[in-house]
Amino acid sequence: MLYCQVSKTESLNSICDVARANDALWRSMGVTPPMRNTLSNANAHRPSDVAKDLYWKMFNHLTGIAPRFGTGSHRGYCFRIKAPMFAVDSSTIKLTMNGFDWARHRRSKAAAKLHLTFDLGNRLPSFAIVEDAAHHDSVRAAELTAHLKRGDIAVADRAYTDCAFMNGLDERGVWFVTRQKRNMKMTVVKELRPPAAATPEKKTQILKDEIVVPAKESTAAKYGGTLRRVTAVVEIQGQMKEMMFLTNNLKWSARTVAEIYRDRWGIETFFKELSLRETQTPVFSGRSGIRSRRNGTADMLKMRFPQEFVSSG
């Protein structure tokens, strides 16, 4: 399936045709071009873990021959942050009902959902789950952040603003930055700086910096500690937007909190690249969920490793 992504073929027959056209090249590597039935059988029964294992083997191999591969400092204002930062988000990939009946999403539509943990340092995926799109983004939040260690930073949008989830991160010593939901009620305990008014300047502006606690008893029961709420105007895609951020770190500057969230845009860029490739190649080709998970992993493998390896020298 990795060869399918590289050669931009659209079906198993096309893969076999391209392979036979390059028969001499395949045999020079000690490989025989596959027959269509053989490839179809392997594609139907080979577990999706094959692609996952290949992903990490390639990662470890490239790290071994190029030590700088897979490492990278944070960009922009966040370059001074030494702790690993991970963005958590999901993206829905539209599919056709007649080819993906396992991913029924509406009466006549199908879709898969990619849940992803994205390393904002090296710009590589660190954990991914592919399933049907019937689930809310936050249902996989705990699994996406299970590998984070004490001192790591998790960055997520409002879909992941859940007090029980945030409490779990806080108890493990994981810092988080997320956005406050519009209907979320908070009680201000302390103002860390006087409120300020926004100006026309196109730069990050801190309007409020407060210590808050959940106002509702039901919410407070899920998160018993205090939170820091930073209200800021930040530039997102060339536009200035006012946002409210929640974090469990009381020592960072207010601007650091805002800039950490702004750096989360790296995962949105990754999803845009994936969507663009989806229109060019059959990223999730295969009628079963196993095939789609395997082929989706193959596409991420092809997307990131070549460009990251070239940039790492």
Protein backbone atom coordinates (compact mmCIF):
# COMPACT_ATOMS: atom_id res chain seq x y z
CA MET A 1 0.00 0.00 0.00
CA LEU A 2 2.97 2.29 0.49
CA TYR A 3 3.88 1.62 -3.16
CA CYS A 4 0.26 2.48 -4.03
CA GLN A 5 0.67 5.88 -2.37
CA VAL A 6 4.03 6.61 -4.02
CA SER A 7 2.94 5.55 -7.51
CA LYS A 8 -0.49 7.27 -7.13
CA THR A 9 -2.36 4.23 -8.39
CA GLU A 10 -6.11 3.91 -7.88
CA SER A 11 -6.77 0.17 -7.59
CA LEU A 12 -5.15 -3.21 -6.99
CA ASN A 13 -5.07 -3.83 -10.75
CA SER A 14 -3.24 -0.55 -11.24
CA ILE A 15 -0.70 -1.46 -8.56
CA CYS A 16 0.03 -4.77 -10.29
CA ASP A 17 0.22 -3.13 -13.73
CA VAL A 18 2.72 -0.51 -12.54
CA ALA A 19 4.73 -3.19 -10.72
CA ARG A 20 4.92 -5.36 -13.86
CA ALA A 21 5.97 -2.33 -15.91
CA ASN A 22 8.90 -1.95 -13.51
CA ASP A 23 9.61 -5.68 -13.31
CA ALA A 24 13.39 -5.27 -13.72
CA LEU A 25 13.56 -2.72 -10.90
CA TRP A 26 11.55 -4.95 -8.54
CA ARG A 27 13.69 -8.01 -9.30
CA SER A 28 16.91 -6.01 -8.80
CA MET A 29 15.74 -5.56 -5.20
CA GLY A 30 15.01 -9.28 -4.86
CA VAL A 31 11.23 -8.79 -5.03
CA THR A 32 8.76 -10.33 -7.46
CA PRO A 33 5.86 -8.13 -8.63
CA PRO A 34 2.66 -9.45 -6.97
CA MET A 35 -0.26 -11.05 -8.78
CA ARG A 36 -3.63 -9.37 -8.39
CA ASN A 37 -5.25 -12.27 -6.46
CA THR A 38 -2.26 -12.58 -4.13
CA LEU A 39 -2.33 -8.86 -3.36
CA SER A 40 -6.09 -8.88 -2.88
CA ASN A 41 -5.92 -11.77 -0.42
CA ALA A 42 -3.10 -10.12 1.55
CA ASN A 43 -4.98 -6.82 1.59
CA ALA A 44 -8.09 -8.53 2.95
CA HIS A 45 -6.47 -10.58 5.73
CA ARG A 46 -3.21 -8.93 6.75
CA PRO A 47 -3.72 -7.05 10.06
CA SER A 48 -3.41 -3.28 10.20
CA ASP A 49 -0.60 -3.64 12.77
CA VAL A 50 1.73 -4.43 9.84
CA ALA A 51 1.68 -0.80 8.72
CA LYS A 52 1.97 0.45 12.29
CA ASP A 53 5.05 -1.70 12.93
CA LEU A 54 6.56 -0.53 9.63
CA TYR A 55 5.96 3.10 10.62
CA TRP A 56 7.96 2.75 13.84
CA LYS A 57 10.67 0.57 12.26
CA MET A 58 11.24 3.25 9.64
CA PHE A 59 11.25 5.91 12.33
CA ASN A 60 13.87 4.04 14.37
CA HIS A 61 15.93 3.25 11.25
CA LEU A 62 16.05 6.87 10.09
CA THR A 63 16.85 8.01 13.64
CA GLY A 64 19.78 5.60 13.64
CA ILE A 65 21.32 6.84 10.40
CA ALA A 66 20.42 10.52 10.95
CA PRO A 67 20.38 11.37 14.69
CA ARG A 68 18.64 14.70 14.08
CA PHE A 69 15.69 12.98 12.42
CA GLY A 70 12.63 12.85 14.66
CA THR A 71 13.88 15.65 16.88
CA GLY A 72 13.19 19.33 16.60
CA SER A 73 12.78 22.42 18.70
CA HIS A 74 9.50 24.26 18.92
CA ARG A 75 8.95 27.11 16.50
CA GLY A 76 8.34 30.80 16.90
CA TYR A 77 7.79 32.13 20.41
CA CYS A 78 7.63 28.57 21.78
CA PHE A 79 11.26 27.79 20.90
CA ARG A 80 12.18 28.54 24.54
CA ILE A 81 9.96 25.70 25.79
CA LYS A 82 12.04 22.56 26.26
CA ALA A 83 9.24 20.19 27.30
CA PRO A 84 7.64 18.01 24.56
CA MET A 85 4.36 19.48 23.25
CA PHE A 86 1.63 17.35 21.69
CA ALA A 87 -1.47 18.55 19.87
CA VAL A 88 -4.57 16.34 20.14
CA ASP A 89 -7.27 16.57 17.49
CA SER A 90 -9.31 14.57 14.99
CA SER A 91 -10.33 14.91 11.35
CA THR A 92 -13.22 13.38 9.43
CA ILE A 93 -12.43 11.88 6.02
CA LYS A 94 -15.34 11.59 3.61
CA LEU A 95 -15.77 8.17 1.97
CA THR A 96 -18.21 6.61 -0.49
CA MET A 97 -20.97 4.42 0.92
CA ASN A 98 -20.74 1.74 -1.79
CA GLY A 99 -17.07 1.13 -1.01
CA PHE A 100 -16.99 1.67 2.76
CA ASP A 101 -20.12 0.18 4.29
CA TRP A 102 -18.23 -0.33 7.60
CA ALA A 103 -18.00 3.46 7.98
CA ARG A 104 -21.69 4.38 7.59
CA HIS A 105 -22.06 7.94 8.89
CA ARG A 106 -25.39 9.14 7.54
CA ARG A 107 -28.23 7.45 5.67
CA SER A 108 -26.37 7.72 2.36
CA LYS A 109 -22.88 8.78 3.44
CA ALA A 110 -19.78 7.15 4.88
CA ALA A 111 -16.83 8.67 6.71
CA ALA A 112 -13.82 7.66 8.77
CA LYS A 113 -12.41 9.62 11.68
CA LEU A 114 -8.69 9.99 12.29
CA HIS A 115 -7.86 10.67 15.96
CA LEU A 116 -4.30 11.93 16.20
CA THR A 117 -1.64 12.95 18.69
CA PHE A 118 0.82 15.19 16.87
CA ASP A 119 4.32 16.06 18.12
CA LEU A 120 4.66 19.82 17.69
CA GLY A 121 8.46 19.59 17.92
CA ASN A 122 9.31 17.23 15.06
CA ARG A 123 5.93 17.67 13.27
CA LEU A 124 5.34 13.89 13.18
CA PRO A 125 2.33 11.84 14.36
CA SER A 126 3.04 10.02 17.63
CA PHE A 127 -0.26 8.12 18.03
CA ALA A 128 -3.26 7.60 15.74
CA ILE A 129 -6.62 5.81 15.78
CA VAL A 130 -8.74 5.31 12.64
CA GLU A 131 -12.39 4.32 13.08
CA ASP A 132 -15.85 5.17 11.81
CA ALA A 133 -16.97 8.77 12.28
CA ALA A 134 -19.93 8.04 14.56
CA HIS A 135 -18.03 8.96 17.74
CA HIS A 136 -17.38 12.38 19.27
CA ASP A 137 -13.81 13.65 19.21
CA SER A 138 -13.33 13.45 22.98
CA VAL A 139 -14.17 9.74 23.39
CA ARG A 140 -10.59 8.84 22.41
CA ALA A 141 -8.93 11.62 24.41
CA ALA A 142 -7.64 9.34 27.19
CA GLU A 143 -6.13 6.88 24.70
CA LEU A 144 -4.49 9.65 22.68
CA THR A 145 -2.72 11.04 25.73
CA ALA A 146 -1.97 7.78 27.58
CA HIS A 147 1.70 7.85 26.49
CA LEU A 148 2.34 11.40 27.72
CA LYS A 149 4.74 11.64 30.67
CA ARG A 150 5.02 13.99 33.63
CA GLY A 151 6.10 17.41 32.37
CA ASP A 152 4.78 16.91 28.82
CA ILE A 153 2.32 19.45 27.40
CA ALA A 154 -1.02 18.51 25.78
CA VAL A 155 -2.74 21.11 23.58
CA ALA A 156 -6.33 20.64 22.44
CA ASP A 157 -9.31 22.60 21.20
CA ARG A 158 -12.72 22.98 22.84
CA ALA A 159 -13.90 19.51 21.79
CA TYR A 160 -11.55 18.06 24.42
CA THR A 161 -12.45 20.47 27.22
CA ASP A 162 -13.79 17.87 29.63
CA CYS A 163 -13.17 18.26 33.37
CA ALA A 164 -12.70 14.53 34.01
CA PHE A 165 -10.15 14.32 31.17
CA MET A 166 -8.30 17.43 32.36
CA ASN A 167 -8.29 16.12 35.94
CA GLY A 168 -6.68 12.89 34.73
CA LEU A 169 -3.90 14.84 33.01
CA ASP A 170 -3.37 17.02 36.07
CA GLU A 171 -3.07 14.01 38.39
CA ARG A 172 -0.39 12.53 36.10
CA GLY A 173 1.60 15.77 36.09
CA VAL A 174 0.87 16.53 32.42
CA TRP A 175 0.40 20.22 31.61
CA PHE A 176 -2.47 21.12 29.30
CA VAL A 177 -3.72 24.13 27.37
CA THR A 178 -7.22 24.11 25.93
CA ARG A 179 -10.05 26.53 25.19
CA GLN A 180 -12.98 27.22 27.47
CA LYS A 181 -16.35 26.20 26.08
CA ARG A 182 -18.90 28.97 25.61
CA ASN A 183 -21.40 27.43 28.06
CA MET A 184 -18.79 26.58 30.69
CA LYS A 185 -19.34 28.57 33.90
CA MET A 186 -16.31 29.57 35.99
CA THR A 187 -15.93 31.48 39.26
CA VAL A 188 -13.01 33.90 39.42
CA VAL A 189 -10.88 33.32 42.54
CA LYS A 190 -8.07 35.79 41.81
CA GLU A 191 -7.02 38.23 39.11
CA LEU A 192 -3.33 37.86 38.28
CA ARG A 193 -3.24 41.09 36.26
CA PRO A 194 -5.61 44.01 35.67
CA PRO A 195 -7.96 43.62 32.69
CA ALA A 196 -6.83 45.37 29.50
CA ALA A 197 -8.57 46.44 26.29
CA ALA A 198 -7.65 45.09 22.87
CA THR A 199 -5.76 47.34 20.47
CA PRO A 200 -5.62 47.32 16.65
CA GLU A 201 -2.05 45.98 16.73
CA LYS A 202 -1.53 42.66 14.97
CA LYS A 203 0.20 40.82 17.78
CA THR A 204 -0.69 38.61 20.74
CA GLN A 205 -2.47 40.72 23.36
CA ILE A 206 -3.31 39.56 26.87
CA LEU A 207 -6.66 40.92 28.07
CA LYS A 208 -7.20 38.94 31.30
CA ASP A 209 -5.23 36.49 33.46
CA GLU A 210 -7.27 34.84 36.22
CA ILE A 211 -7.39 31.90 38.62
CA VAL A 212 -10.78 30.21 38.31
CA VAL A 213 -12.70 27.19 39.58
CA PRO A 214 -15.75 25.44 38.06
CA ALA A 215 -18.94 27.18 39.16
CA LYS A 216 -21.28 24.16 38.96
CA GLU A 217 -21.08 21.47 41.64
CA SER A 218 -21.29 18.68 39.08
CA THR A 219 -18.34 20.13 37.17
CA ALA A 220 -16.34 20.86 40.32
CA ALA A 221 -16.76 17.22 41.37
CA LYS A 222 -14.90 16.16 38.20
CA TYR A 223 -12.11 18.73 38.56
CA GLY A 224 -11.42 19.61 42.16
CA GLY A 225 -8.40 21.88 41.67
CA THR A 226 -7.97 25.40 40.37
CA LEU A 227 -7.48 26.45 36.76
CA ARG A 228 -5.86 29.41 35.14
CA ARG A 229 -7.88 31.26 32.52
CA VAL A 230 -6.09 33.53 30.06
CA THR A 231 -8.14 35.73 27.73
CA ALA A 232 -6.08 36.90 24.78
CA VAL A 233 -6.26 38.18 21.23
CA VAL A 234 -4.12 35.97 18.99
CA GLU A 235 -3.43 35.84 15.28
CA ILE A 236 -4.84 32.74 13.56
CA GLN A 237 -4.40 32.50 9.78
CA GLY A 238 -3.85 36.23 9.48
CA GLN A 239 -6.92 37.16 11.54
CA MET A 240 -6.97 38.45 15.13
CA LYS A 241 -9.34 36.46 17.35
CA GLU A 242 -10.23 36.75 21.02
CA MET A 243 -10.00 33.41 22.82
CA MET A 244 -10.17 32.10 26.39
CA PHE A 245 -7.62 29.45 27.34
CA LEU A 246 -7.59 27.10 30.31
CA THR A 247 -4.41 25.59 31.75
CA ASN A 248 -3.24 23.88 34.93
CA ASN A 249 0.16 25.64 34.84
CA LEU A 250 0.31 28.69 37.08
CA LYS A 251 3.96 29.59 36.41
CA TRP A 252 4.00 30.27 32.68
CA SER A 253 3.56 33.82 31.50
CA ALA A 254 0.13 34.61 30.09
CA ARG A 255 1.63 35.08 26.63
CA THR A 256 3.28 31.64 26.79
CA VAL A 257 -0.15 30.08 27.38
CA ALA A 258 -1.57 31.88 24.33
CA GLU A 259 1.42 31.07 22.11
CA ILE A 260 1.36 27.38 23.07
CA TYR A 261 -2.22 27.16 21.87
CA ARG A 262 -1.39 29.09 18.70
CA ASP A 263 1.35 26.54 17.92
CA ARG A 264 -1.41 23.90 17.86
CA TRP A 265 -2.10 25.02 14.30
CA GLY A 266 0.62 22.58 13.20
CA ILE A 267 -1.84 19.69 13.45
CA GLU A 268 -4.40 21.59 11.36
CA THR A 269 -1.75 22.00 8.64
CA PHE A 270 -1.09 18.26 8.78
CA PHE A 271 -4.80 17.49 8.34
CA LYS A 272 -4.95 19.85 5.35
CA GLU A 273 -2.05 18.01 3.73
CA LEU A 274 -3.83 14.71 4.35
CA SER A 275 -7.07 16.02 2.84
CA LEU A 276 -5.19 17.25 -0.22
CA ARG A 277 -3.59 13.84 -0.73
CA GLU A 278 -7.00 12.22 -0.25
CA THR A 279 -8.18 13.96 -3.43
CA GLN A 280 -5.08 12.81 -5.33
CA THR A 281 -4.65 9.20 -4.14
CA PRO A 282 -6.94 6.61 -2.50
CA VAL A 283 -5.69 7.25 1.03
CA PHE A 284 -8.22 4.91 2.62
CA SER A 285 -8.61 2.42 -0.22
CA GLY A 286 -10.12 -0.88 0.90
CA ARG A 287 -13.61 -1.99 1.79
CA SER A 288 -12.83 -3.19 5.31
CA GLY A 289 -11.85 -1.20 8.37
CA ILE A 290 -8.59 -3.17 8.63
CA ARG A 291 -7.54 -2.18 5.10
CA SER A 292 -8.45 1.44 5.64
CA ARG A 293 -6.47 1.67 8.89
CA ARG A 294 -3.47 0.04 7.26
CA ASN A 295 -3.62 2.20 4.14
CA GLY A 296 -4.14 5.38 6.16
CA THR A 297 -1.01 4.57 8.16
CA ALA A 298 0.88 3.96 4.91
CA ASP A 299 -0.12 7.39 3.67
CA MET A 300 1.07 9.10 6.85
CA LEU A 301 4.32 7.16 6.46
CA LYS A 302 4.75 8.44 2.91
CA MET A 303 3.66 11.98 3.76
CA ARG A 304 5.98 12.77 6.61
CA PHE A 305 9.13 10.66 6.47
CA PRO A 306 10.57 11.72 3.09
CA GLN A 307 10.21 15.46 3.71
CA GLU A 308 11.32 15.24 7.35
CA PHE A 309 14.32 13.09 6.42
CA VAL A 310 15.40 15.54 3.70
CA SER A 311 15.00 18.51 6.05
CA SER A 312 17.02 16.74 8.78
CA GLY A 313 19.94 16.42 6.38
